[in-house]
Amino acid sequence: MNPVVTIVLPVHNAQRTLRSSLLGLMELAETTGRRLQVAVVDDGSTDATYEIACELASEFPQVQVLRQPYQRGLGTALEQVRLRMGVTDVVAHSGVGEIDHQELALLLTAGNERRDAPHVAAATMTGEGRGTRRAGSQPALAPRLVEAHRTGGAFRWLRIDEPAASRRKRPATPVLGAALDGLMPAMSSFGSPLASGK
């Protein structure tokens, strides 16, 4: 039995194309024999994209809709999918351009999906393609982005890693709390003479 494949579709203002794209994915599941679940991530749309996605989710139980209040990009969409759906191996659309069902069908039938899936920390992909320094500063991520743009496909197998823990050390107790704790004994000693009436 084939495992369920999660397709991540970050969409922004796609009310005109979303219905036909998702219906095409449902047909693709039948023709390829793969069990698909589709995570539609509304990326801050200002049109009826979210409402249409919710309608389709009510028709097709394998469609789940997530929403980002404003446009955050693929990295944040992947992080939402990891947190809310509990999946780490996904086929993600870049969110740029139309959904090419033939490209996805070839990717699904290739059979090398999980062996070759690159590990991507979702947080490092936030802002991808928007000129941020963050994507360029990740030495492992930059070559993959260059390769993705060179090969031209919109769909990629990805394994979403948990975000790296912050390297900044945090004090064990909050600074203000520690300062107040240090003052409390002194304040109580001031209060003692006053309370005794001296």
N, C-alpha and C. Protein backbone atom coordinates (compact mmCIF):
# COMPACT_ATOMS: atom_id res chain seq x y z
N MET A 1 0.83 -1.17 0.00
CA MET A 1 0.00 0.00 0.00
C MET A 1 0.88 1.25 0.00
N ASN A 2 0.55 2.22 -0.84
CA ASN A 2 1.33 3.44 -0.95
C ASN A 2 1.10 4.34 0.26
N PRO A 3 2.19 4.96 0.76
CA PRO A 3 1.99 5.93 1.84
C PRO A 3 1.33 7.19 1.30
N VAL A 4 0.73 7.94 2.20
CA VAL A 4 0.08 9.20 1.80
C VAL A 4 1.16 10.22 1.48
N VAL A 5 1.00 10.90 0.36
CA VAL A 5 1.93 11.97 -0.05
C VAL A 5 1.25 13.30 0.24
N THR A 6 1.97 14.17 0.94
CA THR A 6 1.42 15.50 1.26
C THR A 6 1.93 16.50 0.24
N ILE A 7 0.99 17.15 -0.44
CA ILE A 7 1.30 18.20 -1.41
C ILE A 7 1.05 19.54 -0.72
N VAL A 8 2.05 20.41 -0.70
CA VAL A 8 1.90 21.73 -0.09
C VAL A 8 1.75 22.76 -1.20
N LEU A 9 0.62 23.47 -1.17
CA LEU A 9 0.35 24.51 -2.17
C LEU A 9 0.21 25.86 -1.48
N PRO A 10 1.29 26.66 -1.45
CA PRO A 10 1.12 28.02 -0.95
C PRO A 10 0.48 28.85 -2.07
N VAL A 11 -0.64 29.50 -1.78
CA VAL A 11 -1.36 30.26 -2.81
C VAL A 11 -1.61 31.68 -2.33
N HIS A 12 -1.54 32.61 -3.26
CA HIS A 12 -1.81 34.01 -2.96
C HIS A 12 -2.67 34.59 -4.07
N ASN A 13 -3.87 35.06 -3.72
CA ASN A 13 -4.81 35.63 -4.69
C ASN A 13 -5.01 34.72 -5.90
N ALA A 14 -5.40 33.48 -5.63
CA ALA A 14 -5.56 32.48 -6.68
C ALA A 14 -7.00 32.06 -6.86
N GLN A 15 -7.94 32.96 -6.62
CA GLN A 15 -9.35 32.58 -6.68
C GLN A 15 -9.76 32.08 -8.06
N ARG A 16 -9.15 32.57 -9.13
CA ARG A 16 -9.56 32.15 -10.48
C ARG A 16 -9.04 30.77 -10.86
N THR A 17 -7.91 30.34 -10.30
CA THR A 17 -7.29 29.08 -10.73
C THR A 17 -7.33 27.97 -9.69
N LEU A 18 -7.67 28.30 -8.45
CA LEU A 18 -7.55 27.31 -7.38
C LEU A 18 -8.46 26.11 -7.57
N ARG A 19 -9.71 26.34 -7.94
CA ARG A 19 -10.65 25.23 -8.11
C ARG A 19 -10.16 24.25 -9.17
N SER A 20 -9.78 24.74 -10.34
CA SER A 20 -9.32 23.82 -11.41
C SER A 20 -8.02 23.14 -11.02
N SER A 21 -7.15 23.84 -10.30
CA SER A 21 -5.88 23.22 -9.87
C SER A 21 -6.14 22.07 -8.91
N LEU A 22 -7.01 22.28 -7.93
CA LEU A 22 -7.28 21.22 -6.96
C LEU A 22 -8.06 20.06 -7.57
N LEU A 23 -8.99 20.35 -8.48
CA LEU A 23 -9.69 19.26 -9.16
C LEU A 23 -8.71 18.43 -9.99
N GLY A 24 -7.75 19.10 -10.60
CA GLY A 24 -6.70 18.38 -11.34
C GLY A 24 -5.86 17.49 -10.43
N LEU A 25 -5.59 17.95 -9.21
CA LEU A 25 -4.84 17.13 -8.26
C LEU A 25 -5.64 15.91 -7.82
N MET A 26 -6.94 16.08 -7.65
CA MET A 26 -7.78 14.94 -7.26
C MET A 26 -7.80 13.89 -8.38
N GLU A 27 -7.84 14.34 -9.64
CA GLU A 27 -7.78 13.40 -10.77
C GLU A 27 -6.41 12.73 -10.82
N LEU A 28 -5.38 13.49 -10.51
CA LEU A 28 -4.01 12.96 -10.53
C LEU A 28 -3.86 11.82 -9.51
N ALA A 29 -4.51 11.96 -8.38
CA ALA A 29 -4.45 10.90 -7.37
C ALA A 29 -5.03 9.60 -7.92
N GLU A 30 -6.09 9.71 -8.72
CA GLU A 30 -6.70 8.51 -9.31
C GLU A 30 -5.82 7.91 -10.39
N THR A 31 -5.24 8.75 -11.25
CA THR A 31 -4.45 8.22 -12.38
C THR A 31 -3.10 7.66 -11.95
N THR A 32 -2.48 8.23 -10.90
CA THR A 32 -1.17 7.74 -10.48
C THR A 32 -1.27 6.63 -9.44
N GLY A 33 -2.46 6.48 -8.84
CA GLY A 33 -2.62 5.47 -7.80
C GLY A 33 -1.98 5.87 -6.48
N ARG A 34 -1.59 7.11 -6.34
CA ARG A 34 -0.99 7.60 -5.09
C ARG A 34 -2.07 8.19 -4.20
N ARG A 35 -1.96 7.96 -2.92
CA ARG A 35 -2.88 8.59 -1.97
C ARG A 35 -2.30 9.97 -1.63
N LEU A 36 -3.07 10.98 -1.92
CA LEU A 36 -2.60 12.34 -1.72
C LEU A 36 -3.42 13.04 -0.64
N GLN A 37 -2.74 13.88 0.13
CA GLN A 37 -3.42 14.87 0.95
C GLN A 37 -2.82 16.21 0.53
N VAL A 38 -3.66 17.20 0.42
CA VAL A 38 -3.23 18.50 -0.09
C VAL A 38 -3.39 19.54 1.01
N ALA A 39 -2.29 20.23 1.30
CA ALA A 39 -2.33 21.33 2.26
C ALA A 39 -2.30 22.63 1.47
N VAL A 40 -3.45 23.29 1.41
CA VAL A 40 -3.53 24.59 0.74
C VAL A 40 -3.24 25.64 1.81
N VAL A 41 -2.17 26.41 1.60
CA VAL A 41 -1.81 27.45 2.56
C VAL A 41 -2.10 28.80 1.91
N ASP A 42 -3.16 29.45 2.37
CA ASP A 42 -3.51 30.77 1.86
C ASP A 42 -2.49 31.75 2.42
N ASP A 43 -1.69 32.32 1.53
CA ASP A 43 -0.57 33.18 1.92
C ASP A 43 -0.97 34.65 1.88
N GLY A 44 -1.87 35.03 2.76
CA GLY A 44 -2.27 36.43 2.87
C GLY A 44 -3.07 36.95 1.70
N SER A 45 -3.93 36.13 1.11
CA SER A 45 -4.72 36.57 -0.04
C SER A 45 -5.70 37.66 0.35
N THR A 46 -5.96 38.56 -0.61
CA THR A 46 -6.93 39.63 -0.39
C THR A 46 -8.19 39.42 -1.22
N ASP A 47 -8.28 38.28 -1.90
CA ASP A 47 -9.48 37.96 -2.68
C ASP A 47 -10.19 36.78 -2.00
N ALA A 48 -10.97 36.04 -2.72
CA ALA A 48 -11.76 34.95 -2.15
C ALA A 48 -11.03 33.60 -2.16
N THR A 49 -9.73 33.61 -2.23
CA THR A 49 -8.96 32.36 -2.26
C THR A 49 -9.26 31.48 -1.06
N TYR A 50 -9.25 32.04 0.12
CA TYR A 50 -9.47 31.26 1.34
C TYR A 50 -10.86 30.62 1.34
N GLU A 51 -11.87 31.37 0.95
CA GLU A 51 -13.23 30.85 0.95
C GLU A 51 -13.38 29.71 -0.05
N ILE A 52 -12.79 29.86 -1.23
CA ILE A 52 -12.84 28.79 -2.24
C ILE A 52 -12.11 27.56 -1.74
N ALA A 53 -10.96 27.74 -1.10
CA ALA A 53 -10.21 26.61 -0.56
C ALA A 53 -11.03 25.88 0.50
N CYS A 54 -11.74 26.62 1.34
CA CYS A 54 -12.58 26.00 2.37
C CYS A 54 -13.75 25.23 1.76
N GLU A 55 -14.34 25.76 0.68
CA GLU A 55 -15.40 25.04 -0.03
C GLU A 55 -14.89 23.71 -0.55
N LEU A 56 -13.71 23.75 -1.17
CA LEU A 56 -13.13 22.52 -1.72
C LEU A 56 -12.77 21.53 -0.62
N ALA A 57 -12.33 22.05 0.52
CA ALA A 57 -12.00 21.16 1.64
C ALA A 57 -13.24 20.47 2.18
N SER A 58 -14.40 21.13 2.07
CA SER A 58 -15.64 20.48 2.51
C SER A 58 -16.07 19.40 1.52
N GLU A 59 -15.68 19.54 0.25
CA GLU A 59 -16.00 18.52 -0.77
C GLU A 59 -15.03 17.35 -0.74
N PHE A 60 -13.77 17.64 -0.46
CA PHE A 60 -12.71 16.62 -0.51
C PHE A 60 -12.04 16.53 0.86
N PRO A 61 -12.22 15.41 1.57
CA PRO A 61 -11.63 15.30 2.91
C PRO A 61 -10.10 15.29 2.91
N GLN A 62 -9.48 15.01 1.77
CA GLN A 62 -8.02 15.00 1.71
C GLN A 62 -7.41 16.39 1.53
N VAL A 63 -8.24 17.42 1.47
CA VAL A 63 -7.76 18.80 1.35
C VAL A 63 -7.88 19.48 2.71
N GLN A 64 -6.78 20.05 3.16
CA GLN A 64 -6.78 20.82 4.40
C GLN A 64 -6.35 22.25 4.07
N VAL A 65 -6.95 23.20 4.74
CA VAL A 65 -6.67 24.61 4.46
C VAL A 65 -6.04 25.24 5.68
N LEU A 66 -4.92 25.88 5.47
CA LEU A 66 -4.23 26.65 6.50
C LEU A 66 -4.18 28.10 6.02
N ARG A 67 -4.09 29.02 6.95
CA ARG A 67 -4.12 30.42 6.55
C ARG A 67 -3.04 31.22 7.25
N GLN A 68 -2.36 32.05 6.47
CA GLN A 68 -1.41 33.01 7.00
C GLN A 68 -2.04 34.39 6.83
N PRO A 69 -2.08 35.21 7.88
CA PRO A 69 -2.80 36.48 7.80
C PRO A 69 -2.19 37.47 6.81
N TYR A 70 -0.92 37.37 6.56
CA TYR A 70 -0.29 38.21 5.54
C TYR A 70 0.78 37.39 4.84
N GLN A 71 1.24 37.87 3.70
CA GLN A 71 2.12 37.09 2.84
C GLN A 71 3.47 36.86 3.52
N ARG A 72 3.77 35.57 3.78
CA ARG A 72 4.99 35.20 4.49
C ARG A 72 5.89 34.29 3.68
N GLY A 73 5.40 33.67 2.61
CA GLY A 73 6.26 32.86 1.76
C GLY A 73 6.24 31.38 2.08
N LEU A 74 7.04 30.65 1.31
CA LEU A 74 7.07 29.19 1.38
C LEU A 74 7.58 28.67 2.71
N GLY A 75 8.59 29.30 3.27
CA GLY A 75 9.17 28.81 4.52
C GLY A 75 8.15 28.75 5.66
N THR A 76 7.39 29.80 5.80
CA THR A 76 6.39 29.83 6.85
C THR A 76 5.26 28.85 6.55
N ALA A 77 4.92 28.70 5.28
CA ALA A 77 3.90 27.71 4.90
C ALA A 77 4.35 26.30 5.28
N LEU A 78 5.61 25.97 5.01
CA LEU A 78 6.14 24.65 5.37
C LEU A 78 6.14 24.45 6.88
N GLU A 79 6.49 25.49 7.61
CA GLU A 79 6.51 25.39 9.07
C GLU A 79 5.09 25.14 9.61
N GLN A 80 4.10 25.81 9.04
CA GLN A 80 2.70 25.57 9.46
C GLN A 80 2.29 24.13 9.20
N VAL A 81 2.67 23.62 8.03
CA VAL A 81 2.32 22.23 7.68
C VAL A 81 2.99 21.27 8.66
N ARG A 82 4.25 21.52 8.99
CA ARG A 82 4.96 20.64 9.93
C ARG A 82 4.29 20.67 11.30
N LEU A 83 3.95 21.86 11.79
CA LEU A 83 3.37 21.99 13.12
C LEU A 83 1.93 21.49 13.19
N ARG A 84 1.10 21.87 12.23
CA ARG A 84 -0.33 21.58 12.32
C ARG A 84 -0.71 20.20 11.80
N MET A 85 0.03 19.71 10.81
CA MET A 85 -0.33 18.42 10.22
C MET A 85 0.60 17.31 10.66
N GLY A 86 1.75 17.66 11.25
CA GLY A 86 2.67 16.65 11.76
C GLY A 86 3.40 15.87 10.70
N VAL A 87 3.58 16.44 9.51
CA VAL A 87 4.31 15.74 8.45
C VAL A 87 5.65 16.42 8.22
N THR A 88 6.62 15.63 7.78
CA THR A 88 7.93 16.20 7.50
C THR A 88 8.36 15.97 6.06
N ASP A 89 7.85 14.92 5.40
CA ASP A 89 8.18 14.67 3.99
C ASP A 89 7.03 15.17 3.14
N VAL A 90 7.31 16.16 2.29
CA VAL A 90 6.25 16.77 1.49
C VAL A 90 6.74 17.00 0.07
N VAL A 91 5.78 17.19 -0.82
CA VAL A 91 6.06 17.72 -2.15
C VAL A 91 5.52 19.14 -2.12
N ALA A 92 6.42 20.10 -2.25
CA ALA A 92 6.02 21.51 -2.11
C ALA A 92 6.08 22.22 -3.45
N HIS A 93 5.07 23.01 -3.71
CA HIS A 93 5.06 23.88 -4.88
C HIS A 93 5.75 25.17 -4.48
N SER A 94 6.45 25.78 -5.39
CA SER A 94 7.20 27.00 -5.08
C SER A 94 6.30 28.18 -4.77
N GLY A 95 5.03 28.10 -5.18
CA GLY A 95 4.11 29.21 -4.98
C GLY A 95 4.19 30.24 -6.08
N VAL A 96 5.07 29.99 -7.06
CA VAL A 96 5.24 30.91 -8.18
C VAL A 96 4.76 30.22 -9.45
N GLY A 97 3.86 30.84 -10.16
CA GLY A 97 3.37 30.27 -11.42
C GLY A 97 2.24 29.28 -11.20
N GLU A 98 1.77 28.74 -12.31
CA GLU A 98 0.65 27.80 -12.27
C GLU A 98 1.10 26.42 -11.85
N ILE A 99 0.14 25.62 -11.45
CA ILE A 99 0.41 24.24 -11.04
C ILE A 99 0.43 23.37 -12.28
N ASP A 100 1.56 22.73 -12.52
CA ASP A 100 1.73 21.86 -13.67
C ASP A 100 1.48 20.42 -13.23
N HIS A 101 0.31 19.89 -13.57
CA HIS A 101 -0.07 18.54 -13.13
C HIS A 101 0.83 17.48 -13.74
N GLN A 102 1.31 17.69 -14.97
CA GLN A 102 2.19 16.70 -15.61
C GLN A 102 3.53 16.63 -14.87
N GLU A 103 4.06 17.78 -14.48
CA GLU A 103 5.32 17.79 -13.72
C GLU A 103 5.15 17.03 -12.41
N LEU A 104 4.03 17.27 -11.73
CA LEU A 104 3.79 16.59 -10.46
C LEU A 104 3.61 15.09 -10.67
N ALA A 105 2.92 14.70 -11.73
CA ALA A 105 2.74 13.27 -12.02
C ALA A 105 4.08 12.58 -12.24
N LEU A 106 4.97 13.22 -12.97
CA LEU A 106 6.31 12.65 -13.19
C LEU A 106 7.07 12.53 -11.88
N LEU A 107 6.96 13.52 -11.05
CA LEU A 107 7.65 13.50 -9.76
C LEU A 107 7.12 12.39 -8.86
N LEU A 108 5.81 12.20 -8.87
CA LEU A 108 5.20 11.18 -8.03
C LEU A 108 5.50 9.77 -8.50
N THR A 109 5.67 9.58 -9.80
CA THR A 109 5.92 8.23 -10.33
C THR A 109 7.41 7.92 -10.46
N ALA A 110 8.27 8.90 -10.18
CA ALA A 110 9.72 8.68 -10.33
C ALA A 110 10.24 7.65 -9.33
N GLY A 111 9.67 7.60 -8.13
CA GLY A 111 10.05 6.57 -7.17
C GLY A 111 11.27 6.88 -6.34
N ASN A 112 11.91 8.04 -6.54
CA ASN A 112 13.12 8.33 -5.77
C ASN A 112 12.88 9.44 -4.75
N GLU A 113 11.61 9.65 -4.42
CA GLU A 113 11.25 10.83 -3.64
C GLU A 113 11.96 10.96 -2.30
N ARG A 114 11.86 9.99 -1.44
CA ARG A 114 12.37 10.18 -0.09
C ARG A 114 13.88 10.00 0.00
N ARG A 115 14.47 9.22 -0.88
CA ARG A 115 15.92 9.06 -0.85
C ARG A 115 16.62 10.37 -1.15
N ASP A 116 16.07 11.12 -2.12
CA ASP A 116 16.75 12.32 -2.58
C ASP A 116 16.17 13.60 -2.01
N ALA A 117 15.23 13.50 -1.09
CA ALA A 117 14.59 14.71 -0.57
C ALA A 117 15.60 15.51 0.24
N PRO A 118 15.84 16.77 -0.15
CA PRO A 118 16.76 17.58 0.63
C PRO A 118 16.13 17.97 1.96
N HIS A 119 16.98 18.07 2.98
CA HIS A 119 16.52 18.54 4.29
C HIS A 119 16.48 20.05 4.24
N VAL A 120 15.36 20.62 4.63
CA VAL A 120 15.22 22.06 4.62
C VAL A 120 14.64 22.49 5.96
N ALA A 121 15.33 23.39 6.63
CA ALA A 121 14.74 24.00 7.82
C ALA A 121 13.79 25.06 7.32
N ALA A 122 12.52 24.91 7.62
CA ALA A 122 11.51 25.79 7.06
C ALA A 122 11.81 27.25 7.33
N ALA A 123 12.34 27.55 8.49
CA ALA A 123 12.58 28.96 8.83
C ALA A 123 13.63 29.58 7.91
N THR A 124 14.54 28.78 7.36
CA THR A 124 15.56 29.35 6.49
C THR A 124 15.01 29.71 5.13
N MET A 125 13.81 29.19 4.78
CA MET A 125 13.25 29.50 3.47
C MET A 125 12.32 30.70 3.52
N THR A 126 12.06 31.23 4.69
CA THR A 126 11.20 32.40 4.80
C THR A 126 11.86 33.54 4.07
N GLY A 127 11.12 34.19 3.22
CA GLY A 127 11.66 35.32 2.48
C GLY A 127 12.43 34.90 1.24
N GLU A 128 12.38 33.62 0.89
CA GLU A 128 13.10 33.15 -0.29
C GLU A 128 12.66 33.94 -1.51
N GLY A 129 13.60 34.43 -2.27
CA GLY A 129 13.29 35.14 -3.49
C GLY A 129 12.88 36.58 -3.26
N ARG A 130 13.01 37.07 -2.06
CA ARG A 130 12.60 38.44 -1.78
C ARG A 130 13.79 39.34 -1.49
N GLY A 131 14.99 38.88 -1.75
CA GLY A 131 16.16 39.71 -1.58
C GLY A 131 16.63 39.80 -0.14
N THR A 132 16.26 38.86 0.71
CA THR A 132 16.70 38.92 2.08
C THR A 132 18.11 38.37 2.20
N ARG A 133 18.79 38.79 3.23
CA ARG A 133 20.13 38.27 3.46
C ARG A 133 20.07 36.88 4.08
N ARG A 134 18.93 36.54 4.68
CA ARG A 134 18.82 35.28 5.39
C ARG A 134 19.08 34.07 4.49
N ALA A 135 18.45 34.02 3.30
CA ALA A 135 18.63 32.86 2.41
C ALA A 135 20.07 32.79 1.92
N GLY A 136 20.67 33.93 1.63
CA GLY A 136 22.04 33.93 1.14
C GLY A 136 23.05 33.57 2.21
N SER A 137 22.68 33.77 3.47
CA SER A 137 23.62 33.50 4.54
C SER A 137 23.64 32.03 4.95
N GLN A 138 22.74 31.24 4.43
CA GLN A 138 22.71 29.82 4.75
C GLN A 138 23.53 29.06 3.71
N PRO A 139 24.75 28.66 4.04
CA PRO A 139 25.61 28.02 3.04
C PRO A 139 25.03 26.74 2.45
N ALA A 140 24.30 25.96 3.24
CA ALA A 140 23.74 24.71 2.71
C ALA A 140 22.52 24.97 1.85
N LEU A 141 21.79 26.04 2.11
CA LEU A 141 20.56 26.31 1.40
C LEU A 141 20.81 27.00 0.06
N ALA A 142 21.77 27.90 0.00
CA ALA A 142 22.00 28.68 -1.22
C ALA A 142 22.22 27.81 -2.46
N PRO A 143 23.06 26.75 -2.43
CA PRO A 143 23.21 25.93 -3.64
C PRO A 143 21.92 25.25 -4.07
N ARG A 144 21.08 24.86 -3.11
CA ARG A 144 19.81 24.22 -3.46
C ARG A 144 18.88 25.20 -4.14
N LEU A 145 18.88 26.46 -3.68
CA LEU A 145 18.03 27.46 -4.32
C LEU A 145 18.50 27.72 -5.75
N VAL A 146 19.81 27.80 -5.93
CA VAL A 146 20.36 28.01 -7.28
C VAL A 146 19.97 26.84 -8.18
N GLU A 147 20.10 25.62 -7.67
CA GLU A 147 19.75 24.43 -8.45
C GLU A 147 18.27 24.40 -8.79
N ALA A 148 17.43 24.78 -7.83
CA ALA A 148 15.99 24.80 -8.07
C ALA A 148 15.64 25.78 -9.18
N HIS A 149 16.25 26.94 -9.17
CA HIS A 149 15.97 27.92 -10.22
C HIS A 149 16.52 27.48 -11.57
N ARG A 150 17.66 26.78 -11.54
CA ARG A 150 18.27 26.35 -12.80
C ARG A 150 17.45 25.25 -13.46
N THR A 151 16.95 24.30 -12.68
CA THR A 151 16.21 23.19 -13.27
C THR A 151 14.80 23.59 -13.67
N GLY A 152 14.25 24.63 -13.08
CA GLY A 152 12.99 25.20 -13.55
C GLY A 152 11.71 24.56 -13.07
N GLY A 153 11.75 23.46 -12.34
CA GLY A 153 10.51 22.84 -11.87
C GLY A 153 9.93 23.58 -10.68
N ALA A 154 8.61 23.56 -10.58
CA ALA A 154 7.95 24.26 -9.48
C ALA A 154 7.73 23.35 -8.27
N PHE A 155 7.71 22.02 -8.47
CA PHE A 155 7.49 21.09 -7.37
C PHE A 155 8.81 20.47 -6.94
N ARG A 156 8.97 20.27 -5.62
CA ARG A 156 10.17 19.65 -5.06
C ARG A 156 9.78 18.75 -3.89
N TRP A 157 10.45 17.61 -3.78
CA TRP A 157 10.34 16.80 -2.57
C TRP A 157 11.18 17.50 -1.52
N LEU A 158 10.64 17.68 -0.34
CA LEU A 158 11.38 18.30 0.76
C LEU A 158 11.14 17.53 2.04
N ARG A 159 12.16 17.49 2.88
CA ARG A 159 12.01 16.97 4.23
C ARG A 159 12.19 18.17 5.15
N ILE A 160 11.12 18.52 5.86
CA ILE A 160 11.12 19.72 6.69
C ILE A 160 11.73 19.39 8.05
N ASP A 161 12.81 20.05 8.37
CA ASP A 161 13.45 19.89 9.67
C ASP A 161 12.87 20.89 10.65
N GLU A 162 13.01 20.58 11.93
CA GLU A 162 12.60 21.55 12.94
C GLU A 162 13.55 22.74 12.88
N PRO A 163 13.06 23.93 13.19
CA PRO A 163 13.94 25.09 13.18
C PRO A 163 15.06 24.92 14.19
N ALA A 164 16.21 25.43 13.85
CA ALA A 164 17.36 25.34 14.75
C ALA A 164 17.08 26.18 15.99
N ALA A 165 17.57 25.69 17.12
CA ALA A 165 17.41 26.44 18.37
C ALA A 165 18.28 27.69 18.32
N SER A 166 17.84 28.70 18.99
CA SER A 166 18.58 29.95 19.03
C SER A 166 19.92 29.74 19.71
N ARG A 167 20.97 30.36 19.15
CA ARG A 167 22.29 30.25 19.76
C ARG A 167 22.50 31.29 20.84
N ARG A 168 21.58 32.22 20.95
CA ARG A 168 21.69 33.26 21.97
C ARG A 168 21.35 32.66 23.32
N LYS A 169 22.24 32.87 24.30
CA LYS A 169 21.99 32.35 25.64
C LYS A 169 21.02 33.27 26.35
N ARG A 170 20.06 32.67 26.99
CA ARG A 170 19.10 33.44 27.77
C ARG A 170 19.41 33.21 29.24
N PRO A 171 19.30 34.25 30.05
CA PRO A 171 19.54 34.05 31.48
C PRO A 171 18.50 33.11 32.07
N ALA A 172 18.91 32.38 33.09
CA ALA A 172 18.01 31.41 33.72
C ALA A 172 16.80 32.11 34.34
N THR A 173 17.01 33.29 34.92
CA THR A 173 15.89 34.07 35.46
C THR A 173 15.86 35.39 34.73
N PRO A 174 14.70 35.94 34.52
CA PRO A 174 14.64 37.24 33.86
C PRO A 174 15.42 38.29 34.65
N VAL A 175 16.04 39.21 33.95
CA VAL A 175 16.90 40.20 34.57
C VAL A 175 16.10 41.04 35.56
N LEU A 176 14.93 41.50 35.17
CA LEU A 176 14.12 42.32 36.05
C LEU A 176 13.70 41.54 37.30
N GLY A 177 13.33 40.27 37.10
CA GLY A 177 12.94 39.44 38.23
C GLY A 177 14.09 39.23 39.20
N ALA A 178 15.29 39.02 38.67
CA ALA A 178 16.45 38.83 39.53
C ALA A 178 16.75 40.11 40.29
N ALA A 179 16.61 41.26 39.64
CA ALA A 179 16.87 42.54 40.31
C ALA A 179 15.85 42.76 41.42
N LEU A 180 14.58 42.46 41.16
CA LEU A 180 13.56 42.64 42.19
C LEU A 180 13.76 41.67 43.35
N ASP A 181 14.19 40.44 43.02
CA ASP A 181 14.46 39.47 44.09
C ASP A 181 15.56 39.97 45.00
N GLY A 182 16.56 40.62 44.43
CA GLY A 182 17.66 41.16 45.22
C GLY A 182 17.22 42.32 46.09
N LEU A 183 16.21 43.08 45.67
CA LEU A 183 15.74 44.23 46.44
C LEU A 183 14.78 43.83 47.55
N MET A 184 14.10 42.76 47.41
CA MET A 184 13.05 42.38 48.37
C MET A 184 13.57 42.23 49.80
N PRO A 185 14.71 41.55 50.06
CA PRO A 185 15.17 41.46 51.45
C PRO A 185 15.51 42.84 52.02
N ALA A 186 16.09 43.72 51.21
CA ALA A 186 16.45 45.04 51.69
C ALA A 186 15.20 45.84 52.02
N MET A 187 14.17 45.72 51.18
CA MET A 187 12.93 46.45 51.43
C MET A 187 12.24 45.94 52.69
N SER A 188 12.31 44.65 52.93
CA SER A 188 11.67 44.13 54.13
C SER A 188 12.39 44.58 55.39
N SER A 189 13.73 44.78 55.29
CA SER A 189 14.45 45.26 56.47
C SER A 189 14.10 46.73 56.75
N PHE A 190 13.82 47.51 55.68
CA PHE A 190 13.39 48.88 55.88
C PHE A 190 11.99 48.90 56.50
N GLY A 191 11.19 47.96 56.11
CA GLY A 191 9.80 47.93 56.58
C GLY A 191 9.70 47.52 58.05
N SER A 192 10.67 46.76 58.57
CA SER A 192 10.59 46.27 59.94
C SER A 192 10.60 47.39 60.97
N PRO A 193 11.54 48.36 60.88
CA PRO A 193 11.53 49.41 61.88
C PRO A 193 10.26 50.25 61.82
N LEU A 194 9.75 50.48 60.62
CA LEU A 194 8.54 51.29 60.51
C LEU A 194 7.34 50.57 61.11
N ALA A 195 7.30 49.27 60.88
CA ALA A 195 6.18 48.51 61.40
C ALA A 195 6.21 48.46 62.92
N SER A 196 7.42 48.48 63.50
CA SER A 196 7.50 48.39 64.98
C SER A 196 7.26 49.73 65.66
N GLY A 197 7.21 50.83 64.87
CA GLY A 197 6.90 52.14 65.41
C GLY A 197 8.13 52.90 65.87
N LYS A 198 9.34 52.46 65.54
CA LYS A 198 10.55 53.15 65.97
C LYS A 198 10.88 54.34 65.13
